[in-house]
């Protein structure tokens, strides 16, 4: 084997390695582009999940605040209804807002007085 053929053989091997490296680089670039699309889709899905969770937390907070306001308003109505003064104590205001027959102490009419 001559020295020139050795160099040609060495040069051929280097060219084969270079061609293989180019093919590998091209394949990796294609895979990189595909993975970029997959990553973008995953990021969109993550953003949607975060938004959905935040909206749910806001809705639950608003619902809890509304429920608390309604409960407080009902409690105020019940308190106001039970605090209504009744003539002579013959009717009693119940916590439910209904009235019942009964007597309060000190409100019994004087049966023995003439007037």
N, C-alpha and C. Protein backbone atom coordinates (compact mmCIF):
# COMPACT_ATOMS: atom_id res chain seq x y z
N UNK A 1 0.86 -1.15 0.00
CA UNK A 1 0.00 0.00 0.00
C UNK A 1 0.91 1.23 0.00
N UNK A 2 0.58 2.16 -0.84
CA UNK A 2 1.39 3.36 -0.95
C UNK A 2 0.90 4.40 0.03
N UNK A 3 1.76 5.38 0.23
CA UNK A 3 1.41 6.44 1.18
C UNK A 3 0.20 7.22 0.70
N UNK A 4 0.07 7.46 -0.57
CA UNK A 4 -1.07 8.18 -1.11
C UNK A 4 -2.36 7.43 -0.90
N UNK A 5 -2.35 6.12 -1.00
CA UNK A 5 -3.57 5.35 -0.81
C UNK A 5 -3.97 5.33 0.67
N UNK A 6 -2.96 5.38 1.53
CA UNK A 6 -3.28 5.46 2.96
C UNK A 6 -4.00 6.76 3.28
N UNK A 7 -3.54 7.86 2.70
CA UNK A 7 -4.18 9.15 2.96
C UNK A 7 -5.59 9.17 2.37
N UNK A 8 -5.73 8.58 1.19
CA UNK A 8 -7.08 8.54 0.58
C UNK A 8 -8.01 7.70 1.44
N UNK A 9 -7.51 6.59 1.95
CA UNK A 9 -8.33 5.73 2.82
C UNK A 9 -8.68 6.48 4.10
N UNK A 10 -7.74 7.16 4.70
CA UNK A 10 -7.99 7.95 5.92
C UNK A 10 -8.99 9.07 5.62
N UNK A 11 -8.80 9.76 4.50
CA UNK A 11 -9.72 10.83 4.11
C UNK A 11 -11.12 10.26 3.88
N UNK A 12 -11.25 9.09 3.27
CA UNK A 12 -12.56 8.46 3.05
C UNK A 12 -13.26 8.13 4.36
N UNK A 13 -12.49 7.62 5.33
CA UNK A 13 -13.06 7.32 6.64
C UNK A 13 -13.56 8.60 7.31
N UNK A 14 -12.79 9.68 7.22
CA UNK A 14 -13.21 10.95 7.82
C UNK A 14 -14.47 11.49 7.14
N UNK A 15 -14.54 11.36 5.83
CA UNK A 15 -15.73 11.82 5.10
C UNK A 15 -16.96 10.99 5.49
N UNK A 16 -16.79 9.68 5.70
CA UNK A 16 -17.90 8.84 6.13
C UNK A 16 -18.38 9.25 7.53
N UNK A 17 -17.44 9.51 8.41
CA UNK A 17 -17.80 9.96 9.76
C UNK A 17 -18.50 11.30 9.72
N UNK A 18 -18.02 12.19 8.86
CA UNK A 18 -18.66 13.52 8.72
C UNK A 18 -20.09 13.38 8.20
N UNK A 19 -20.27 12.51 7.20
CA UNK A 19 -21.61 12.31 6.64
C UNK A 19 -22.54 11.72 7.70
N UNK A 20 -22.03 10.75 8.48
CA UNK A 20 -22.84 10.15 9.54
C UNK A 20 -23.20 11.20 10.60
N UNK A 21 -22.24 12.07 10.94
CA UNK A 21 -22.50 13.13 11.92
C UNK A 21 -23.54 14.10 11.38
N UNK A 22 -23.48 14.43 10.09
CA UNK A 22 -24.49 15.32 9.50
C UNK A 22 -25.89 14.71 9.58
N UNK A 23 -26.00 13.42 9.29
CA UNK A 23 -27.29 12.73 9.37
C UNK A 23 -27.79 12.76 10.80
N UNK A 24 -26.87 12.49 11.74
CA UNK A 24 -27.27 12.50 13.15
C UNK A 24 -27.72 13.89 13.58
N UNK A 25 -27.00 14.94 13.18
CA UNK A 25 -27.37 16.31 13.53
C UNK A 25 -28.74 16.66 12.95
N UNK A 26 -28.98 16.28 11.71
CA UNK A 26 -30.28 16.57 11.09
C UNK A 26 -31.40 15.86 11.84
N UNK A 27 -31.18 14.61 12.22
CA UNK A 27 -32.19 13.86 12.98
C UNK A 27 -32.45 14.52 14.33
N UNK A 28 -31.39 14.98 14.98
CA UNK A 28 -31.56 15.64 16.28
C UNK A 28 -32.28 16.98 16.14
N UNK A 29 -32.03 17.70 15.05
CA UNK A 29 -32.75 18.96 14.82
C UNK A 29 -34.25 18.70 14.62
N UNK A 30 -34.57 17.64 13.89
CA UNK A 30 -35.98 17.29 13.69
C UNK A 30 -36.62 16.90 15.02
N UNK A 31 -35.90 16.11 15.82
CA UNK A 31 -36.42 15.72 17.12
C UNK A 31 -36.58 16.94 18.02
N UNK A 32 -35.63 17.87 17.94
CA UNK A 32 -35.72 19.11 18.73
C UNK A 32 -36.97 19.90 18.35
N UNK A 33 -37.26 20.02 17.06
CA UNK A 33 -38.45 20.74 16.61
C UNK A 33 -39.71 20.05 17.12
N UNK A 34 -39.73 18.71 17.04
CA UNK A 34 -40.89 17.96 17.51
C UNK A 34 -41.07 18.16 19.02
N UNK A 35 -39.98 18.08 19.77
CA UNK A 35 -40.06 18.26 21.22
C UNK A 35 -40.46 19.69 21.59
N UNK A 36 -40.07 20.67 20.79
CA UNK A 36 -40.49 22.06 21.05
C UNK A 36 -42.00 22.18 20.92
N UNK A 37 -42.58 21.49 19.94
CA UNK A 37 -44.04 21.50 19.79
C UNK A 37 -44.72 20.80 20.97
N UNK A 38 -44.16 19.68 21.40
CA UNK A 38 -44.71 18.95 22.54
C UNK A 38 -44.62 19.80 23.79
N UNK A 39 -43.47 20.47 23.97
CA UNK A 39 -43.29 21.35 25.13
C UNK A 39 -44.30 22.49 25.11
N UNK A 40 -44.50 23.10 23.96
CA UNK A 40 -45.46 24.20 23.86
C UNK A 40 -46.87 23.73 24.22
N UNK A 41 -47.26 22.56 23.74
CA UNK A 41 -48.59 22.02 24.06
C UNK A 41 -48.71 21.75 25.57
N UNK A 42 -47.65 21.22 26.18
CA UNK A 42 -47.67 20.95 27.62
C UNK A 42 -47.76 22.24 28.42
N UNK A 43 -47.06 23.29 27.97
CA UNK A 43 -47.12 24.58 28.66
C UNK A 43 -48.51 25.19 28.57
N UNK A 44 -49.16 25.05 27.42
CA UNK A 44 -50.53 25.54 27.25
C UNK A 44 -51.46 24.79 28.20
N UNK A 45 -51.31 23.48 28.28
CA UNK A 45 -52.14 22.66 29.18
C UNK A 45 -51.92 23.08 30.63
N UNK A 46 -50.67 23.33 31.00
CA UNK A 46 -50.35 23.78 32.36
C UNK A 46 -51.01 25.13 32.64
N UNK A 47 -50.90 26.06 31.71
CA UNK A 47 -51.51 27.38 31.90
C UNK A 47 -53.02 27.27 32.09
N UNK A 48 -53.65 26.43 31.28
CA UNK A 48 -55.10 26.25 31.40
C UNK A 48 -55.47 25.67 32.76
N UNK A 49 -54.67 24.73 33.24
CA UNK A 49 -54.92 24.15 34.56
C UNK A 49 -54.79 25.17 35.67
N UNK A 50 -53.77 26.03 35.57
CA UNK A 50 -53.58 27.08 36.58
C UNK A 50 -54.75 28.04 36.56
N UNK A 51 -55.17 28.44 35.37
CA UNK A 51 -56.30 29.37 35.25
C UNK A 51 -57.57 28.74 35.81
N UNK A 52 -57.82 27.48 35.49
CA UNK A 52 -59.02 26.79 35.99
C UNK A 52 -59.01 26.72 37.51
N UNK A 53 -57.85 26.40 38.08
CA UNK A 53 -57.75 26.32 39.54
C UNK A 53 -57.99 27.68 40.17
N UNK A 54 -57.40 28.74 39.61
CA UNK A 54 -57.59 30.08 40.15
C UNK A 54 -59.05 30.51 40.06
N UNK A 55 -59.70 30.20 38.94
CA UNK A 55 -61.12 30.56 38.79
C UNK A 55 -61.99 29.81 39.78
N UNK A 56 -61.67 28.54 40.03
CA UNK A 56 -62.43 27.76 40.99
C UNK A 56 -62.26 28.33 42.40
N UNK A 57 -61.04 28.69 42.77
CA UNK A 57 -60.80 29.27 44.09
C UNK A 57 -61.58 30.58 44.24
N UNK A 58 -61.58 31.42 43.20
CA UNK A 58 -62.33 32.68 43.25
C UNK A 58 -63.83 32.41 43.38
N UNK A 59 -64.34 31.44 42.63
CA UNK A 59 -65.77 31.13 42.68
C UNK A 59 -66.15 30.59 44.05
N UNK A 60 -65.32 29.73 44.62
CA UNK A 60 -65.61 29.19 45.95
C UNK A 60 -65.57 30.29 47.00
N UNK A 61 -64.62 31.21 46.87
CA UNK A 61 -64.53 32.32 47.83
C UNK A 61 -65.76 33.22 47.72
N UNK A 62 -66.20 33.50 46.50
CA UNK A 62 -67.39 34.33 46.31
C UNK A 62 -68.62 33.62 46.86
N UNK A 63 -68.72 32.32 46.62
CA UNK A 63 -69.86 31.55 47.12
C UNK A 63 -69.87 31.53 48.65
N UNK A 64 -68.69 31.36 49.24
CA UNK A 64 -68.61 31.35 50.70
C UNK A 64 -68.99 32.71 51.27
N UNK A 65 -68.53 33.79 50.63
CA UNK A 65 -68.87 35.13 51.10
C UNK A 65 -70.37 35.38 50.98
N UNK A 66 -70.96 34.94 49.87
CA UNK A 66 -72.40 35.11 49.67
C UNK A 66 -73.18 34.31 50.70
N UNK A 67 -72.74 33.08 50.93
CA UNK A 67 -73.40 32.22 51.91
C UNK A 67 -73.31 32.82 53.31
N UNK A 68 -72.16 33.38 53.65
CA UNK A 68 -71.98 34.01 54.95
C UNK A 68 -72.89 35.22 55.08
N UNK A 69 -73.00 36.01 54.02
CA UNK A 69 -73.86 37.20 54.05
C UNK A 69 -75.32 36.80 54.24
N UNK A 70 -75.76 35.76 53.54
CA UNK A 70 -77.14 35.29 53.66
C UNK A 70 -77.39 34.78 55.08
N UNK A 71 -76.46 34.00 55.61
CA UNK A 71 -76.60 33.47 56.96
C UNK A 71 -76.65 34.60 57.99
N UNK A 72 -75.80 35.60 57.82
CA UNK A 72 -75.80 36.74 58.74
C UNK A 72 -77.11 37.51 58.64
N UNK A 73 -77.63 37.69 57.42
CA UNK A 73 -78.89 38.40 57.25
C UNK A 73 -80.04 37.63 57.90
N UNK A 74 -80.03 36.31 57.75
CA UNK A 74 -81.08 35.49 58.38
C UNK A 74 -80.98 35.59 59.90
N UNK A 75 -79.78 35.57 60.42
CA UNK A 75 -79.59 35.68 61.87
C UNK A 75 -80.08 37.04 62.37
N UNK A 76 -79.80 38.09 61.60
CA UNK A 76 -80.27 39.43 62.00
C UNK A 76 -81.79 39.49 61.98
N UNK A 77 -82.42 38.88 60.97
CA UNK A 77 -83.88 38.87 60.91
C UNK A 77 -84.46 38.11 62.09
N UNK A 78 -83.86 36.98 62.43
CA UNK A 78 -84.35 36.20 63.57
C UNK A 78 -84.19 36.98 64.86
N UNK A 79 -83.08 37.66 65.02
CA UNK A 79 -82.84 38.46 66.23
C UNK A 79 -83.85 39.60 66.29
N UNK A 80 -84.07 40.27 65.15
CA UNK A 80 -85.02 41.38 65.12
C UNK A 80 -86.44 40.89 65.40
N UNK A 81 -86.79 39.72 64.87
CA UNK A 81 -88.14 39.20 65.07
C UNK A 81 -88.36 38.82 66.54
N UNK A 82 -87.34 38.28 67.17
CA UNK A 82 -87.52 37.87 68.57
C UNK A 82 -87.47 39.07 69.51
N UNK A 83 -87.02 40.21 69.03
CA UNK A 83 -86.93 41.40 69.89
C UNK A 83 -88.14 42.32 69.73
N UNK A 84 -89.13 41.91 68.93
CA UNK A 84 -90.31 42.75 68.72
C UNK A 84 -91.13 42.78 70.02
N UNK A 85 -91.42 43.97 70.56
CA UNK A 85 -92.23 44.02 71.78
C UNK A 85 -93.69 43.69 71.46
N UNK A 86 -94.29 42.90 72.31
CA UNK A 86 -95.68 42.51 72.11
C UNK A 86 -96.53 43.10 73.23
N UNK A 87 -97.74 43.50 72.90
CA UNK A 87 -98.61 44.09 73.92
C UNK A 87 -98.98 43.07 74.98
N UNK A 88 -98.81 43.47 76.23
CA UNK A 88 -99.25 42.72 77.41
C UNK A 88 -98.66 41.33 77.50
N UNK A 89 -97.79 40.91 76.58
CA UNK A 89 -97.09 39.64 76.68
C UNK A 89 -97.92 38.42 76.40
N UNK A 90 -99.05 38.56 75.74
CA UNK A 90 -99.89 37.40 75.48
C UNK A 90 -99.37 36.56 74.33
N UNK A 91 -98.60 37.15 73.43
CA UNK A 91 -98.00 36.38 72.35
C UNK A 91 -96.48 36.46 72.50
N UNK A 92 -95.83 35.34 72.26
CA UNK A 92 -94.38 35.30 72.34
C UNK A 92 -93.81 35.11 70.94
N UNK A 93 -92.80 35.88 70.61
CA UNK A 93 -92.13 35.72 69.32
C UNK A 93 -91.10 34.60 69.45
N UNK A 94 -91.21 33.60 68.59
CA UNK A 94 -90.28 32.48 68.59
C UNK A 94 -89.08 32.84 67.72
N UNK A 95 -87.99 32.12 67.89
CA UNK A 95 -86.78 32.36 67.09
C UNK A 95 -87.04 32.13 65.61
N UNK A 96 -88.01 31.30 65.28
CA UNK A 96 -88.32 31.01 63.88
C UNK A 96 -89.06 32.15 63.22
N UNK A 97 -89.49 33.13 63.99
CA UNK A 97 -90.27 34.23 63.44
C UNK A 97 -91.76 34.04 63.66
N UNK A 98 -92.19 32.86 64.11
CA UNK A 98 -93.60 32.60 64.39
C UNK A 98 -93.93 33.10 65.80
N UNK A 99 -95.20 33.17 66.10
CA UNK A 99 -95.66 33.62 67.42
C UNK A 99 -96.38 32.47 68.10
N UNK A 100 -96.30 32.43 69.41
CA UNK A 100 -97.02 31.40 70.15
C UNK A 100 -97.74 32.06 71.33
N UNK A 101 -98.81 31.40 71.76
CA UNK A 101 -99.57 31.94 72.90
C UNK A 101 -98.79 31.64 74.17
N UNK A 102 -98.76 32.58 75.05
CA UNK A 102 -98.05 32.38 76.29
C UNK A 102 -98.04 33.67 77.07
N UNK A 103 -97.50 33.61 78.27
CA UNK A 103 -97.46 34.80 79.10
C UNK A 103 -96.03 35.07 79.51
N UNK A 104 -95.74 36.31 79.57
CA UNK A 104 -94.44 36.72 80.09
C UNK A 104 -94.64 37.15 81.53
N UNK A 105 -93.65 36.95 82.31
CA UNK A 105 -93.77 37.35 83.72
C UNK A 105 -93.95 38.85 83.82
N UNK A 106 -94.81 39.26 84.65
CA UNK A 106 -95.09 40.67 84.83
C UNK A 106 -96.05 41.25 83.85
N UNK A 107 -96.52 40.46 82.92
CA UNK A 107 -97.44 40.98 81.91
C UNK A 107 -98.81 40.38 82.04
N UNK A 108 -99.12 39.81 83.17
CA UNK A 108 -100.44 39.21 83.39
C UNK A 108 -101.43 40.31 83.70
N UNK A 109 -102.58 40.36 82.99
CA UNK A 109 -103.57 41.39 83.30
C UNK A 109 -104.13 41.18 84.70
N UNK A 110 -104.44 42.25 85.35
CA UNK A 110 -104.94 42.19 86.71
C UNK A 110 -106.42 41.82 86.67
N UNK A 111 -106.72 40.58 87.04
CA UNK A 111 -108.09 40.09 86.98
C UNK A 111 -108.95 40.67 88.10
N UNK A 112 -108.35 41.08 89.21
CA UNK A 112 -109.13 41.55 90.33
C UNK A 112 -109.39 43.05 90.33
N UNK A 113 -108.77 43.77 89.44
CA UNK A 113 -108.96 45.24 89.51
C UNK A 113 -110.18 45.64 88.71
N UNK A 114 -110.81 46.66 89.10
CA UNK A 114 -112.04 47.10 88.43
C UNK A 114 -111.75 48.21 87.44
N UNK A 115 -110.49 48.58 87.34
CA UNK A 115 -110.37 49.47 86.32
C UNK A 115 -109.50 50.50 86.10
